[in-house]
Amino acid sequence: MVKHVKLGKSDISVNPIGLGTNAVGGHNLYPNMLDEEQGKDVVRTALDNGINMLDTAFIYGPERSEELVGEVMQEYKREDIVLATKAAHKFVGNDTVMDNSPAFLKQAVDDALKRTRTDYIDLFYIHFPDENTPKAEAVGALKELKDQGKIRSIGVSNFSPDQLKEANQDGYVDVFQGEYNLLKRDAEKNYFPYTAENQITFIPYFPLESGLLAGKYDKDSSFSDLREKNPNFQGQQFLDNLEKIEQIRKIADNYGEEVAHIVLAWYFSQPSVDVIIPGAKRPEQVRSNQRAAEISLSEDDIQKISNIFA
């Protein structure tokens, strides 16, 4: 049985492996690639196998991911689910702008409650910072919603280190979500010391760098989605990354595990990284990702993996 962990200073307990649902109804992120029924089966598979945290957002779809997650939630006991969602995107004409104003965030929570068909959200994030709203004021609005019982904990995502500190000046932030993986390690110096010291759970997104760190690709792989603009998937950098992943594969073979499991397990060795939310397009990927929480890497292998991707 995998031991549950707390989200920041809250009393919310989660399986350390959650489910990122941007491929559940995220048609704007994966054009013409998603089957909604399969997406709902992905969510069911997570909940049926002990994964209790579902991470969605207004902009996945937009709106559709929240709606599909909400549909599946009706089939389960609400108290068995930890629902996380996010907002900040606002459509103004043909433009998308970020809004962290208290009025916007309060409306965004009400709208998300309707889409997910529930009367509370366990973890609500400000998805991206805007340029104008003082961050402590934005988080203060979420604290009011928490006091009203509409949300249970507060998160911010994609904030700079200074914005995170400003947002947390009253100690209200439970979770920070930011990009972090073996190929993008700036968070180790920019965020981890602060999040660890302030009991803020750091949840990395893109932990497998869109499948690259899962060891799924070879030199002949080609990409026609958001990966084609990512330097890690191009030219010599892509080939160098494949070589590093082959070194991880040797370690994985020693454990009798897949590359992805070893990579995900490695993140748990980092300060304040208590929860990981790998995405999945198919039910079998969900079951596979779960394995990572059950692996105990030796100190020697933790250091080896760190050095390969130094």
C-alpha atoms as a PDB file:
ATOM      1  CA  MET A   1       0.000   0.000   0.000  1.00  0.00           C
ATOM      2  CA  VAL A   2       1.459   3.349  -1.052  1.00  0.00           C
ATOM      3  CA  LYS A   3       1.680   5.844   1.795  1.00  0.00           C
ATOM      4  CA  HIS A   4      -0.339   9.013   1.202  1.00  0.00           C
ATOM      5  CA  VAL A   5       1.236  12.458   1.604  1.00  0.00           C
ATOM      6  CA  LYS A   6      -0.210  15.825   2.622  1.00  0.00           C
ATOM      7  CA  LEU A   7      -0.541  18.757   0.224  1.00  0.00           C
ATOM      8  CA  GLY A   8       1.518  21.513   1.824  1.00  0.00           C
ATOM      9  CA  LYS A   9       0.130  22.653   5.176  1.00  0.00           C
ATOM     10  CA  SER A  10      -3.385  21.418   4.356  1.00  0.00           C
ATOM     11  CA  ASP A  11      -5.048  18.317   5.756  1.00  0.00           C
ATOM     12  CA  ILE A  12      -5.559  16.869   2.251  1.00  0.00           C
ATOM     13  CA  SER A  13      -3.989  13.431   1.765  1.00  0.00           C
ATOM     14  CA  VAL A  14      -3.100  12.185  -1.686  1.00  0.00           C
ATOM     15  CA  ASN A  15      -1.441   9.259  -3.375  1.00  0.00           C
ATOM     16  CA  PRO A  16       2.015  10.581  -4.389  1.00  0.00           C
ATOM     17  CA  ILE A  17       1.138   9.716  -7.994  1.00  0.00           C
ATOM     18  CA  GLY A  18      -1.741  11.807  -9.308  1.00  0.00           C
ATOM     19  CA  LEU A  19      -3.217  12.083 -12.794  1.00  0.00           C
ATOM     20  CA  GLY A  20      -2.604  15.049 -15.072  1.00  0.00           C
ATOM     21  CA  THR A  21      -5.665  15.316 -17.317  1.00  0.00           C
ATOM     22  CA  ASN A  22      -4.620  17.678 -20.102  1.00  0.00           C
ATOM     23  CA  ALA A  23      -5.134  14.755 -22.525  1.00  0.00           C
ATOM     24  CA  VAL A  24      -8.693  14.263 -21.223  1.00  0.00           C
ATOM     25  CA  GLY A  25     -10.680  16.673 -23.369  1.00  0.00           C
ATOM     26  CA  GLY A  26      -7.690  18.936 -24.021  1.00  0.00           C
ATOM     27  CA  HIS A  27      -8.555  19.263 -27.702  1.00  0.00           C
ATOM     28  CA  ASN A  28      -6.711  22.576 -28.048  1.00  0.00           C
ATOM     29  CA  LEU A  29      -3.500  20.931 -26.807  1.00  0.00           C
ATOM     30  CA  TYR A  30      -3.791  17.717 -28.836  1.00  0.00           C
ATOM     31  CA  PRO A  31      -5.775  18.638 -31.979  1.00  0.00           C
ATOM     32  CA  ASN A  32      -7.609  15.679 -33.570  1.00  0.00           C
ATOM     33  CA  MET A  33      -5.806  13.240 -31.280  1.00  0.00           C
ATOM     34  CA  LEU A  34      -8.182  12.675 -28.368  1.00  0.00           C
ATOM     35  CA  ASP A  35     -11.076  10.292 -27.880  1.00  0.00           C
ATOM     36  CA  GLU A  36     -13.333  11.595 -25.081  1.00  0.00           C
ATOM     37  CA  GLU A  37     -14.602   8.162 -24.009  1.00  0.00           C
ATOM     38  CA  GLN A  38     -11.037   6.918 -23.753  1.00  0.00           C
ATOM     39  CA  GLY A  39     -10.206  10.031 -21.737  1.00  0.00           C
ATOM     40  CA  LYS A  40     -12.980   9.248 -19.281  1.00  0.00           C
ATOM     41  CA  ASP A  41     -11.684   5.667 -19.023  1.00  0.00           C
ATOM     42  CA  VAL A  42      -8.259   7.075 -18.147  1.00  0.00           C
ATOM     43  CA  VAL A  43      -9.851   8.961 -15.223  1.00  0.00           C
ATOM     44  CA  ARG A  44     -11.818   5.891 -14.124  1.00  0.00           C
ATOM     45  CA  THR A  45      -8.666   3.748 -14.267  1.00  0.00           C
ATOM     46  CA  ALA A  46      -6.864   6.196 -11.997  1.00  0.00           C
ATOM     47  CA  LEU A  47      -9.670   6.263  -9.431  1.00  0.00           C
ATOM     48  CA  ASP A  48     -10.172   2.471  -9.582  1.00  0.00           C
ATOM     49  CA  ASN A  49      -6.477   1.912  -8.872  1.00  0.00           C
ATOM     50  CA  GLY A  50      -6.016   4.151  -5.841  1.00  0.00           C
ATOM     51  CA  ILE A  51      -4.916   7.361  -7.581  1.00  0.00           C
ATOM     52  CA  ASN A  52      -7.106   9.970  -5.904  1.00  0.00           C
ATOM     53  CA  MET A  53      -5.749  13.289  -7.232  1.00  0.00           C
ATOM     54  CA  LEU A  54      -7.063  14.546 -10.582  1.00  0.00           C
ATOM     55  CA  ASP A  55      -5.345  17.644 -11.972  1.00  0.00           C
ATOM     56  CA  THR A  56      -7.234  19.635 -14.599  1.00  0.00           C
ATOM     57  CA  ALA A  57      -7.592  23.290 -15.701  1.00  0.00           C
ATOM     58  CA  PHE A  58      -9.977  25.680 -17.426  1.00  0.00           C
ATOM     59  CA  ILE A  59      -7.631  26.017 -20.424  1.00  0.00           C
ATOM     60  CA  TYR A  60      -7.537  22.259 -21.174  1.00  0.00           C
ATOM     61  CA  GLY A  61     -10.156  22.158 -23.890  1.00  0.00           C
ATOM     62  CA  PRO A  62     -10.863  24.955 -22.983  1.00  0.00           C
ATOM     63  CA  GLU A  63     -13.395  23.852 -20.317  1.00  0.00           C
ATOM     64  CA  ARG A  64     -13.838  20.357 -21.766  1.00  0.00           C
ATOM     65  CA  SER A  65     -11.362  18.588 -19.495  1.00  0.00           C
ATOM     66  CA  GLU A  66     -13.119  19.918 -16.390  1.00  0.00           C
ATOM     67  CA  GLU A  67     -16.476  18.810 -17.811  1.00  0.00           C
ATOM     68  CA  LEU A  68     -15.311  15.263 -18.576  1.00  0.00           C
ATOM     69  CA  VAL A  69     -13.554  14.891 -15.215  1.00  0.00           C
ATOM     70  CA  GLY A  70     -16.764  16.158 -13.588  1.00  0.00           C
ATOM     71  CA  GLU A  71     -18.845  13.580 -15.456  1.00  0.00           C
ATOM     72  CA  VAL A  72     -16.653  10.716 -14.224  1.00  0.00           C
ATOM     73  CA  MET A  73     -16.650  12.075 -10.669  1.00  0.00           C
ATOM     74  CA  GLN A  74     -20.434  11.507 -10.514  1.00  0.00           C
ATOM     75  CA  GLU A  75     -19.733   7.744 -10.605  1.00  0.00           C
ATOM     76  CA  TYR A  76     -17.615   7.825  -7.408  1.00  0.00           C
ATOM     77  CA  LYS A  77     -17.830   9.023  -3.828  1.00  0.00           C
ATOM     78  CA  ARG A  78     -16.823  12.686  -3.822  1.00  0.00           C
ATOM     79  CA  GLU A  79     -14.811  12.346  -0.611  1.00  0.00           C
ATOM     80  CA  ASP A  80     -12.555   9.763  -2.291  1.00  0.00           C
ATOM     81  CA  ILE A  81     -11.410  12.292  -4.915  1.00  0.00           C
ATOM     82  CA  VAL A  82      -8.974  15.191  -4.641  1.00  0.00           C
ATOM     83  CA  LEU A  83      -9.878  17.571  -7.450  1.00  0.00           C
ATOM     84  CA  ALA A  84      -7.309  20.162  -8.515  1.00  0.00           C
ATOM     85  CA  THR A  85      -8.035  22.770 -11.155  1.00  0.00           C
ATOM     86  CA  LYS A  86      -6.602  26.078 -12.308  1.00  0.00           C
ATOM     87  CA  ALA A  87      -7.602  29.377 -13.904  1.00  0.00           C
ATOM     88  CA  ALA A  88      -6.081  32.640 -15.140  1.00  0.00           C
ATOM     89  CA  HIS A  89      -6.781  32.639 -18.889  1.00  0.00           C
ATOM     90  CA  LYS A  90      -9.362  35.154 -20.092  1.00  0.00           C
ATOM     91  CA  PHE A  91     -10.470  35.521 -23.713  1.00  0.00           C
ATOM     92  CA  VAL A  92     -10.714  39.123 -24.864  1.00  0.00           C
ATOM     93  CA  GLY A  93     -11.700  39.261 -28.523  1.00  0.00           C
ATOM     94  CA  ASN A  94      -9.063  37.177 -30.315  1.00  0.00           C
ATOM     95  CA  ASP A  95      -6.560  37.570 -27.493  1.00  0.00           C
ATOM     96  CA  THR A  96      -5.916  35.478 -24.416  1.00  0.00           C
ATOM     97  CA  VAL A  97      -4.855  37.480 -21.376  1.00  0.00           C
ATOM     98  CA  MET A  98      -4.010  36.429 -17.824  1.00  0.00           C
ATOM     99  CA  ASP A  99      -6.156  37.731 -14.979  1.00  0.00           C
ATOM    100  CA  ASN A 100      -5.420  37.229 -11.275  1.00  0.00           C
ATOM    101  CA  SER A 101      -7.856  39.875  -9.999  1.00  0.00           C
ATOM    102  CA  PRO A 102      -9.969  38.805  -7.020  1.00  0.00           C
ATOM    103  CA  ALA A 103     -13.207  39.300  -9.007  1.00  0.00           C
ATOM    104  CA  PHE A 104     -11.945  37.088 -11.853  1.00  0.00           C
ATOM    105  CA  LEU A 105     -10.686  34.328  -9.543  1.00  0.00           C
ATOM    106  CA  LYS A 106     -13.936  34.213  -7.562  1.00  0.00           C
ATOM    107  CA  GLN A 107     -15.950  33.909 -10.783  1.00  0.00           C
ATOM    108  CA  ALA A 108     -13.491  31.312 -12.135  1.00  0.00           C
ATOM    109  CA  VAL A 109     -14.009  29.126  -9.062  1.00  0.00           C
ATOM    110  CA  ASP A 110     -17.798  29.357  -9.386  1.00  0.00           C
ATOM    111  CA  ASP A 111     -17.577  28.452 -13.078  1.00  0.00           C
ATOM    112  CA  ALA A 112     -15.252  25.510 -12.372  1.00  0.00           C
ATOM    113  CA  LEU A 113     -17.637  24.217  -9.693  1.00  0.00           C
ATOM    114  CA  LYS A 114     -20.432  24.154 -12.293  1.00  0.00           C
ATOM    115  CA  ARG A 115     -18.315  22.410 -14.939  1.00  0.00           C
ATOM    116  CA  THR A 116     -17.049  19.762 -12.530  1.00  0.00           C
ATOM    117  CA  ARG A 117     -20.524  19.339 -10.948  1.00  0.00           C
ATOM    118  CA  THR A 118     -19.302  19.588  -7.391  1.00  0.00           C
ATOM    119  CA  ASP A 119     -19.680  22.021  -4.508  1.00  0.00           C
ATOM    120  CA  TYR A 120     -16.004  22.287  -3.559  1.00  0.00           C
ATOM    121  CA  ILE A 121     -12.590  22.110  -5.222  1.00  0.00           C
ATOM    122  CA  ASP A 122      -9.838  20.502  -3.162  1.00  0.00           C
ATOM    123  CA  LEU A 123      -6.946  22.476  -4.673  1.00  0.00           C
ATOM    124  CA  PHE A 124      -7.396  25.623  -6.733  1.00  0.00           C
ATOM    125  CA  TYR A 125      -4.425  27.178  -8.514  1.00  0.00           C
ATOM    126  CA  ILE A 126      -3.782  30.530 -10.092  1.00  0.00           C
ATOM    127  CA  HIS A 127      -2.552  29.018 -13.366  1.00  0.00           C
ATOM    128  CA  PHE A 128      -0.285  31.858 -14.571  1.00  0.00           C
ATOM    129  CA  PRO A 129       0.602  35.257 -13.122  1.00  0.00           C
ATOM    130  CA  ASP A 130      -0.829  38.440 -14.615  1.00  0.00           C
ATOM    131  CA  GLU A 131       1.120  41.689 -14.815  1.00  0.00           C
ATOM    132  CA  ASN A 132      -1.033  43.863 -12.589  1.00  0.00           C
ATOM    133  CA  THR A 133      -2.530  42.107  -9.577  1.00  0.00           C
ATOM    134  CA  PRO A 134      -0.460  42.088  -6.369  1.00  0.00           C
ATOM    135  CA  LYS A 135       0.062  38.389  -5.752  1.00  0.00           C
ATOM    136  CA  ALA A 136      -0.810  38.476  -2.037  1.00  0.00           C
ATOM    137  CA  GLU A 137      -4.110  40.139  -2.963  1.00  0.00           C
ATOM    138  CA  ALA A 138      -4.877  37.359  -5.488  1.00  0.00           C
ATOM    139  CA  VAL A 139      -4.110  34.664  -2.931  1.00  0.00           C
ATOM    140  CA  GLY A 140      -6.117  36.608  -0.344  1.00  0.00           C
ATOM    141  CA  ALA A 141      -9.178  36.196  -2.578  1.00  0.00           C
ATOM    142  CA  LEU A 142      -8.594  32.449  -2.647  1.00  0.00           C
ATOM    143  CA  LYS A 143      -8.257  32.460   1.146  1.00  0.00           C
ATOM    144  CA  GLU A 144     -11.753  34.020   1.320  1.00  0.00           C
ATOM    145  CA  LEU A 145     -13.073  31.213  -0.907  1.00  0.00           C
ATOM    146  CA  LYS A 146     -11.342  28.696   1.340  1.00  0.00           C
ATOM    147  CA  ASP A 147     -13.010  30.229   4.396  1.00  0.00           C
ATOM    148  CA  GLN A 148     -16.347  29.898   2.564  1.00  0.00           C
ATOM    149  CA  GLY A 149     -15.706  26.187   1.890  1.00  0.00           C
ATOM    150  CA  LYS A 150     -15.589  26.536  -1.903  1.00  0.00           C
ATOM    151  CA  ILE A 151     -11.935  25.447  -2.040  1.00  0.00           C
ATOM    152  CA  ARG A 152      -9.860  23.452   0.445  1.00  0.00           C
ATOM    153  CA  SER A 153      -6.310  24.493  -0.422  1.00  0.00           C
ATOM    154  CA  ILE A 154      -4.456  27.112  -2.439  1.00  0.00           C
ATOM    155  CA  GLY A 155      -1.928  26.697  -5.225  1.00  0.00           C
ATOM    156  CA  VAL A 156      -0.034  28.885  -7.656  1.00  0.00           C
ATOM    157  CA  SER A 157       1.584  27.780 -10.891  1.00  0.00           C
ATOM    158  CA  ASN A 158       4.231  29.264 -13.200  1.00  0.00           C
ATOM    159  CA  PHE A 159       5.019  32.109 -10.767  1.00  0.00           C
ATOM    160  CA  SER A 160       8.600  33.377 -10.639  1.00  0.00           C
ATOM    161  CA  PRO A 161      10.421  32.771  -7.332  1.00  0.00           C
ATOM    162  CA  ASP A 162       9.754  36.399  -6.302  1.00  0.00           C
ATOM    163  CA  GLN A 163       6.070  36.131  -7.235  1.00  0.00           C
ATOM    164  CA  LEU A 164       5.780  32.937  -5.208  1.00  0.00           C
ATOM    165  CA  LYS A 165       7.275  34.653  -2.159  1.00  0.00           C
ATOM    166  CA  GLU A 166       4.909  37.601  -2.579  1.00  0.00           C
ATOM    167  CA  ALA A 167       1.933  35.247  -3.020  1.00  0.00           C
ATOM    168  CA  ASN A 168       2.884  33.395   0.160  1.00  0.00           C
ATOM    169  CA  GLN A 169       3.580  36.419   2.367  1.00  0.00           C
ATOM    170  CA  ASP A 170       0.715  35.395   4.682  1.00  0.00           C
ATOM    171  CA  GLY A 171       1.629  31.689   4.519  1.00  0.00           C
ATOM    172  CA  TYR A 172      -1.524  30.697   2.613  1.00  0.00           C
ATOM    173  CA  VAL A 173       0.071  28.836  -0.339  1.00  0.00           C
ATOM    174  CA  ASP A 174      -0.014  25.039  -0.030  1.00  0.00           C
ATOM    175  CA  VAL A 175       1.217  23.963  -3.460  1.00  0.00           C
ATOM    176  CA  PHE A 176       3.432  25.323  -6.202  1.00  0.00           C
ATOM    177  CA  GLN A 177       3.290  23.730  -9.631  1.00  0.00           C
ATOM    178  CA  GLY A 178       6.113  24.419 -12.055  1.00  0.00           C
ATOM    179  CA  GLU A 179       8.086  22.882 -14.851  1.00  0.00           C
ATOM    180  CA  TYR A 180      10.722  20.491 -13.596  1.00  0.00           C
ATOM    181  CA  ASN A 181      12.307  17.353 -14.939  1.00  0.00           C
ATOM    182  CA  LEU A 182      15.725  15.815 -15.429  1.00  0.00           C
ATOM    183  CA  LEU A 183      16.285  17.977 -18.515  1.00  0.00           C
ATOM    184  CA  LYS A 184      15.069  21.208 -16.856  1.00  0.00           C
ATOM    185  CA  ARG A 185      16.490  21.443 -13.354  1.00  0.00           C
ATOM    186  CA  ASP A 186      16.532  25.170 -12.540  1.00  0.00           C
ATOM    187  CA  ALA A 187      13.893  24.602  -9.851  1.00  0.00           C
ATOM    188  CA  GLU A 188      16.492  22.860  -7.680  1.00  0.00           C
ATOM    189  CA  LYS A 189      18.144  26.193  -6.923  1.00  0.00           C
ATOM    190  CA  ASN A 190      15.310  28.627  -7.703  1.00  0.00           C
ATOM    191  CA  TYR A 191      12.416  27.020  -5.834  1.00  0.00           C
ATOM    192  CA  PHE A 192      13.225  23.951  -3.728  1.00  0.00           C
ATOM    193  CA  PRO A 193      14.992  25.750  -0.860  1.00  0.00           C
ATOM    194  CA  TYR A 194      11.982  28.060  -0.427  1.00  0.00           C
ATOM    195  CA  THR A 195       9.232  25.466  -0.933  1.00  0.00           C
ATOM    196  CA  ALA A 196      10.907  23.011   1.448  1.00  0.00           C
ATOM    197  CA  GLU A 197      11.408  25.654   4.137  1.00  0.00           C
ATOM    198  CA  ASN A 198       7.800  26.898   3.854  1.00  0.00           C
ATOM    199  CA  GLN A 199       6.057  23.497   3.713  1.00  0.00           C
ATOM    200  CA  ILE A 200       4.864  24.101   0.161  1.00  0.00           C
ATOM    201  CA  THR A 201       4.475  20.947  -1.924  1.00  0.00           C
ATOM    202  CA  PHE A 202       6.264  21.328  -5.259  1.00  0.00           C
ATOM    203  CA  ILE A 203       4.418  19.469  -8.031  1.00  0.00           C
ATOM    204  CA  PRO A 204       6.403  19.224 -11.262  1.00  0.00           C
ATOM    205  CA  TYR A 205       4.655  19.343 -14.601  1.00  0.00           C
ATOM    206  CA  PHE A 206       6.071  17.709 -17.742  1.00  0.00           C
ATOM    207  CA  PRO A 207       7.928  15.243 -15.444  1.00  0.00           C
ATOM    208  CA  LEU A 208       8.561  12.953 -18.426  1.00  0.00           C
ATOM    209  CA  GLU A 209       9.173  15.839 -20.876  1.00  0.00           C
ATOM    210  CA  SER A 210       6.279  14.803 -23.139  1.00  0.00           C
ATOM    211  CA  GLY A 211       7.372  11.157 -23.172  1.00  0.00           C
ATOM    212  CA  LEU A 212      11.053  11.756 -23.941  1.00  0.00           C
ATOM    213  CA  LEU A 213      12.158  10.744 -20.433  1.00  0.00           C
ATOM    214  CA  ALA A 214       9.954   7.655 -20.604  1.00  0.00           C
ATOM    215  CA  GLY A 215      12.401   6.157 -23.109  1.00  0.00           C
ATOM    216  CA  LYS A 216       9.670   5.872 -25.752  1.00  0.00           C
ATOM    217  CA  TYR A 217      11.523   7.398 -28.703  1.00  0.00           C
ATOM    218  CA  ASP A 218      14.502   6.666 -30.923  1.00  0.00           C
ATOM    219  CA  LYS A 219      16.487   8.678 -33.473  1.00  0.00           C
ATOM    220  CA  ASP A 220      13.870   8.039 -36.179  1.00  0.00           C
ATOM    221  CA  SER A 221      10.934   9.415 -34.135  1.00  0.00           C
ATOM    222  CA  SER A 222       9.229  12.518 -35.549  1.00  0.00           C
ATOM    223  CA  PHE A 223       6.733  14.896 -33.942  1.00  0.00           C
ATOM    224  CA  SER A 224       3.854  17.036 -35.216  1.00  0.00           C
ATOM    225  CA  ASP A 225       2.429  18.453 -31.959  1.00  0.00           C
ATOM    226  CA  LEU A 226       3.747  20.747 -29.217  1.00  0.00           C
ATOM    227  CA  ARG A 227       6.969  18.694 -29.201  1.00  0.00           C
ATOM    228  CA  GLU A 228       8.114  19.887 -32.624  1.00  0.00           C
ATOM    229  CA  LYS A 229       8.949  23.324 -31.159  1.00  0.00           C
ATOM    230  CA  ASN A 230      10.736  21.930 -28.093  1.00  0.00           C
ATOM    231  CA  PRO A 231      14.558  22.070 -28.479  1.00  0.00           C
ATOM    232  CA  ASN A 232      14.873  18.810 -26.498  1.00  0.00           C
ATOM    233  CA  PHE A 233      13.269  17.034 -29.467  1.00  0.00           C
ATOM    234  CA  GLN A 234      15.455  18.603 -32.154  1.00  0.00           C
ATOM    235  CA  GLY A 235      18.763  17.872 -33.830  1.00  0.00           C
ATOM    236  CA  GLN A 236      21.853  17.019 -31.826  1.00  0.00           C
ATOM    237  CA  GLN A 237      20.161  17.883 -28.532  1.00  0.00           C
ATOM    238  CA  PHE A 238      17.563  15.177 -29.183  1.00  0.00           C
ATOM    239  CA  LEU A 239      20.296  12.618 -29.960  1.00  0.00           C
ATOM    240  CA  ASP A 240      22.235  13.592 -26.819  1.00  0.00           C
ATOM    241  CA  ASN A 241      19.088  13.166 -24.735  1.00  0.00           C
ATOM    242  CA  LEU A 242      18.475   9.706 -26.211  1.00  0.00           C
ATOM    243  CA  GLU A 243      22.004   8.733 -25.190  1.00  0.00           C
ATOM    244  CA  LYS A 244      21.393   9.836 -21.592  1.00  0.00           C
ATOM    245  CA  ILE A 245      18.132   7.901 -21.522  1.00  0.00           C
ATOM    246  CA  GLU A 246      19.988   4.756 -22.604  1.00  0.00           C
ATOM    247  CA  GLN A 247      22.171   5.161 -19.497  1.00  0.00           C
ATOM    248  CA  ILE A 248      19.008   5.353 -17.391  1.00  0.00           C
ATOM    249  CA  ARG A 249      17.742   2.225 -19.141  1.00  0.00           C
ATOM    250  CA  LYS A 250      20.717   0.282 -17.765  1.00  0.00           C
ATOM    251  CA  ILE A 251      19.801   1.376 -14.225  1.00  0.00           C
ATOM    252  CA  ALA A 252      16.142   0.536 -14.883  1.00  0.00           C
ATOM    253  CA  ASP A 253      17.119  -2.955 -16.082  1.00  0.00           C
ATOM    254  CA  ASN A 254      18.931  -3.558 -12.778  1.00  0.00           C
ATOM    255  CA  TYR A 255      15.659  -2.872 -10.958  1.00  0.00           C
ATOM    256  CA  GLY A 256      13.587  -4.800 -13.490  1.00  0.00           C
ATOM    257  CA  GLU A 257      11.628  -1.589 -14.136  1.00  0.00           C
ATOM    258  CA  GLU A 258      10.790   0.681 -17.045  1.00  0.00           C
ATOM    259  CA  VAL A 259      12.720   3.890 -17.678  1.00  0.00           C
ATOM    260  CA  ALA A 260       9.682   6.055 -16.848  1.00  0.00           C
ATOM    261  CA  HIS A 261       9.255   4.408 -13.435  1.00  0.00           C
ATOM    262  CA  ILE A 262      12.878   5.077 -12.503  1.00  0.00           C
ATOM    263  CA  VAL A 263      12.730   8.705 -13.661  1.00  0.00           C
ATOM    264  CA  LEU A 264       9.525   9.377 -11.713  1.00  0.00           C
ATOM    265  CA  ALA A 265      10.888   7.621  -8.622  1.00  0.00           C
ATOM    266  CA  TRP A 266      14.001   9.823  -8.789  1.00  0.00           C
ATOM    267  CA  TYR A 267      11.891  12.985  -8.390  1.00  0.00           C
ATOM    268  CA  PHE A 268      10.733  11.824  -4.976  1.00  0.00           C
ATOM    269  CA  SER A 269      14.344  12.120  -3.789  1.00  0.00           C
ATOM    270  CA  GLN A 270      14.171  15.912  -4.250  1.00  0.00           C
ATOM    271  CA  PRO A 271      13.172  18.321  -1.450  1.00  0.00           C
ATOM    272  CA  SER A 272       9.437  19.117  -1.284  1.00  0.00           C
ATOM    273  CA  VAL A 273       8.595  17.045  -4.398  1.00  0.00           C
ATOM    274  CA  ASP A 274       5.983  14.855  -2.709  1.00  0.00           C
ATOM    275  CA  VAL A 275       3.496  14.483  -5.569  1.00  0.00           C
ATOM    276  CA  ILE A 276       3.879  13.880  -9.302  1.00  0.00           C
ATOM    277  CA  ILE A 277       1.053  14.147 -11.830  1.00  0.00           C
ATOM    278  CA  PRO A 278       2.105  12.375 -15.039  1.00  0.00           C
ATOM    279  CA  GLY A 279      -0.463  12.622 -17.794  1.00  0.00           C
ATOM    280  CA  ALA A 280      -1.857   9.655 -19.698  1.00  0.00           C
ATOM    281  CA  LYS A 281      -3.757   9.166 -22.916  1.00  0.00           C
ATOM    282  CA  ARG A 282      -4.497   5.474 -22.297  1.00  0.00           C
ATOM    283  CA  PRO A 283      -5.598   3.501 -19.218  1.00  0.00           C
ATOM    284  CA  GLU A 284      -2.534   1.234 -19.298  1.00  0.00           C
ATOM    285  CA  GLN A 285      -0.263   4.301 -18.972  1.00  0.00           C
ATOM    286  CA  VAL A 286      -2.046   5.208 -15.732  1.00  0.00           C
ATOM    287  CA  ARG A 287      -1.405   1.784 -14.234  1.00  0.00           C
ATOM    288  CA  SER A 288       2.208   1.929 -15.359  1.00  0.00           C
ATOM    289  CA  ASN A 289       2.864   5.380 -13.834  1.00  0.00           C
ATOM    290  CA  GLN A 290       1.648   4.162 -10.450  1.00  0.00           C
ATOM    291  CA  ARG A 291       4.596   1.850 -10.141  1.00  0.00           C
ATOM    292  CA  ALA A 292       6.968   4.777  -9.493  1.00  0.00           C
ATOM    293  CA  ALA A 293       5.660   5.352  -5.960  1.00  0.00           C
ATOM    294  CA  GLU A 294       6.601   1.793  -5.004  1.00  0.00           C
ATOM    295  CA  ILE A 295      10.273   1.962  -6.042  1.00  0.00           C
ATOM    296  CA  SER A 296      13.043   2.739  -3.584  1.00  0.00           C
ATOM    297  CA  LEU A 297      16.188   3.915  -5.384  1.00  0.00           C
ATOM    298  CA  SER A 298      19.570   3.494  -3.690  1.00  0.00           C
ATOM    299  CA  GLU A 299      21.484   6.676  -2.781  1.00  0.00           C
ATOM    300  CA  ASP A 300      24.117   5.589  -5.264  1.00  0.00           C
ATOM    301  CA  ASP A 301      21.610   5.372  -8.122  1.00  0.00           C
ATOM    302  CA  ILE A 302      20.000   8.689  -7.149  1.00  0.00           C
ATOM    303  CA  GLN A 303      23.418  10.311  -7.490  1.00  0.00           C
ATOM    304  CA  LYS A 304      24.196   8.455 -10.736  1.00  0.00           C
ATOM    305  CA  ILE A 305      20.963   9.651 -12.360  1.00  0.00           C
ATOM    306  CA  SER A 306      21.632  13.200 -11.180  1.00  0.00           C
ATOM    307  CA  ASN A 307      25.117  13.084 -12.718  1.00  0.00           C
ATOM    308  CA  ILE A 308      23.910  11.706 -16.068  1.00  0.00           C
ATOM    309  CA  PHE A 309      21.674  14.772 -16.401  1.00  0.00           C
ATOM    310  CA  ALA A 310      23.979  17.240 -14.651  1.00  0.00           C
END
